[in-house]
Each structure stands twice: as structure tokens, then as C-alpha cells.
Amino acid sequence: SDEERDAMAPVLSTVSAVLYQYDPMCLNYRDYFDVYGVGIDNHDEYDPEARSLLAMLKCGVTEDGVADAIAEVFEYYFSCSFSMYTCDSKWVTMARRIWVAWAAYQEGLSTADK
């Protein structure tokens, strides 16, 4: 629904920003182009992956499963295996930051229900 999409916009933005910062697929061209004064900003590049990851989190992915969920999403979108990276410190940190954003979103929902 539109209401649910609007409510999820902040967590979607946060998850997309985390993916963009860690940039598993090297899609963040901003720093490269800024050197040349082009100023390209593709900060929403990971929005589709963030949406898919949030859908998985909604379906019950646990904190321990976030890194695997990220790998699954990227395997779906980019047709290559990422499972070997799920223990990598970069992926673990990325997964932790995404879980914190998700938990804060869930906490906000449970607070709003009271």
C-alpha cells in the first residue's frame, strides 16, 4: 500500500545508503567523477536491492541471517555468487548496519501501535 511504502521510505533510504557506501558492485561513481568535475550522483543505485532486502527482512530474516540475505539479493540481481563474502568484515559490518536500521524501524512500528 502507499501508506506502507511511505512508512518504509526512511529505512529504505538508509539501507540503500549503506549498500551504496559499501558498494559491493562498484556502482558508486560519484567519487571518481567528482575528481573530474562531472558531479554525477547515483546515490539511489541500490534502491532495488534495498527493497528486496527489506522484503526479506519483513519475512523474518534474523540478525544472524542478514549477511546471507544480502548475498542472496545480490546473487539474484547480478547473477554471480556472493556467499563467499558473507564472513568478510566489510559484509559483516554492512549487515550489522542494515540490521540496526531495520530494528529501529521495527521499534518505531511497535511504539506507534501503543
Protein backbone atom coordinates (compact mmCIF):
# COMPACT_ATOMS: atom_id res chain seq x y z
CA SER A 1 0.00 0.00 0.00
CA ASP A 2 1.01 3.64 -0.41
CA GLU A 3 0.86 4.11 3.35
CA GLU A 4 3.24 1.22 4.00
CA ARG A 5 5.60 2.40 1.24
CA ASP A 6 5.67 5.89 2.76
CA ALA A 7 6.30 4.48 6.22
CA MET A 8 9.21 2.40 4.88
CA ALA A 9 10.80 5.26 2.92
CA PRO A 10 13.26 6.25 5.68
CA VAL A 11 14.50 2.70 6.27
CA LEU A 12 14.69 2.10 2.51
CA SER A 13 16.79 5.22 2.15
CA THR A 14 19.08 4.13 4.99
CA VAL A 15 19.54 0.58 3.68
CA SER A 16 20.19 1.87 0.16
CA ALA A 17 22.75 4.36 1.54
CA VAL A 18 24.54 1.59 3.45
CA LEU A 19 24.72 -0.55 0.30
CA TYR A 20 25.93 2.48 -1.66
CA GLN A 21 28.61 3.25 0.92
CA TYR A 22 29.96 -0.32 0.94
CA ASP A 23 29.29 -0.62 -2.80
CA PRO A 24 29.58 -4.38 -3.37
CA MET A 25 29.19 -3.98 -7.15
CA CYS A 26 31.36 -0.86 -7.58
CA LEU A 27 28.44 1.25 -8.80
CA ASN A 28 29.32 4.35 -6.78
CA TYR A 29 30.85 6.56 -9.45
CA ARG A 30 30.40 9.80 -7.53
CA ASP A 31 33.93 10.00 -6.11
CA TYR A 32 35.51 9.11 -9.45
CA PHE A 33 33.54 11.67 -11.44
CA ASP A 34 33.81 14.41 -8.81
CA VAL A 35 37.58 14.40 -9.40
CA TYR A 36 36.84 15.41 -12.98
CA GLY A 37 34.15 17.90 -12.05
CA VAL A 38 31.31 15.95 -13.62
CA GLY A 39 29.33 15.68 -10.38
CA ILE A 40 27.32 12.56 -11.13
CA ASP A 41 25.26 11.45 -8.16
CA ASN A 42 23.82 7.97 -8.46
CA HIS A 43 23.03 7.59 -4.76
CA ASP A 44 19.82 5.65 -5.50
CA GLU A 45 21.70 2.98 -7.46
CA TYR A 46 21.00 0.28 -4.84
CA ASP A 47 17.30 1.08 -4.24
CA PRO A 48 16.03 -2.11 -5.97
CA GLU A 49 18.37 -4.29 -3.92
CA ALA A 50 17.41 -2.42 -0.73
CA ARG A 51 13.70 -3.01 -1.49
CA SER A 52 14.29 -6.73 -1.99
CA LEU A 53 16.36 -6.95 1.18
CA LEU A 54 13.66 -5.19 3.18
CA ALA A 55 11.08 -7.63 1.83
CA MET A 56 13.25 -10.48 3.09
CA LEU A 57 13.63 -8.82 6.48
CA LYS A 58 9.84 -8.41 6.63
CA CYS A 59 9.52 -12.14 6.05
CA GLY A 60 11.58 -12.94 9.13
CA VAL A 61 15.28 -12.86 8.32
CA THR A 62 17.11 -12.77 11.65
CA GLU A 63 20.08 -10.65 12.65
CA ASP A 64 22.41 -13.58 12.00
CA GLY A 65 20.95 -14.06 8.53
CA VAL A 66 21.33 -10.53 7.17
CA ALA A 67 24.73 -11.09 5.51
CA ASP A 68 23.37 -14.20 3.78
CA ALA A 69 20.25 -12.27 2.74
CA ILE A 70 22.42 -9.53 1.21
CA ALA A 71 24.34 -12.19 -0.73
CA GLU A 72 21.08 -13.76 -1.90
CA VAL A 73 19.75 -10.41 -3.13
CA PHE A 74 22.95 -9.60 -5.00
CA GLU A 75 23.08 -13.09 -6.50
CA TYR A 76 19.55 -12.54 -7.80
CA TYR A 77 20.26 -9.12 -9.31
CA PHE A 78 23.77 -9.73 -10.62
CA SER A 79 23.79 -13.48 -11.38
CA CYS A 80 27.00 -14.30 -9.55
CA SER A 81 27.83 -15.86 -6.20
CA PHE A 82 28.46 -13.70 -3.15
CA SER A 83 28.17 -16.36 -0.42
CA MET A 84 31.97 -16.47 -0.05
CA TYR A 85 31.92 -12.85 1.16
CA THR A 86 29.36 -13.18 3.95
CA CYS A 87 32.05 -13.65 6.62
CA ASP A 88 34.18 -10.81 5.27
CA SER A 89 34.43 -7.91 7.76
CA LYS A 90 33.03 -5.48 5.17
CA TRP A 91 29.91 -7.62 4.70
CA VAL A 92 29.51 -8.27 8.41
CA THR A 93 29.68 -4.52 9.12
CA MET A 94 27.28 -3.75 6.27
CA ALA A 95 24.87 -6.41 7.57
CA ARG A 96 25.10 -5.06 11.11
CA ARG A 97 24.30 -1.52 9.97
CA ILE A 98 21.33 -2.75 7.94
CA TRP A 99 20.05 -4.77 10.89
CA VAL A 100 20.31 -1.72 13.18
CA ALA A 101 18.29 0.34 10.68
CA TRP A 102 15.69 -2.43 10.40
CA ALA A 103 15.46 -2.88 14.18
CA ALA A 104 14.97 0.87 14.65
CA TYR A 105 12.23 0.84 12.02
CA GLN A 106 10.54 -2.13 13.74
CA GLU A 107 10.83 -0.40 17.12
CA GLY A 108 9.15 2.66 15.64
CA LEU A 109 6.29 0.49 14.40
CA SER A 110 5.78 -1.18 17.76
CA THR A 111 5.88 2.20 19.52
CA ALA A 112 3.29 3.60 17.10
CA ASP A 113 0.97 0.67 17.87
CA LYS A 114 0.86 1.53 21.57
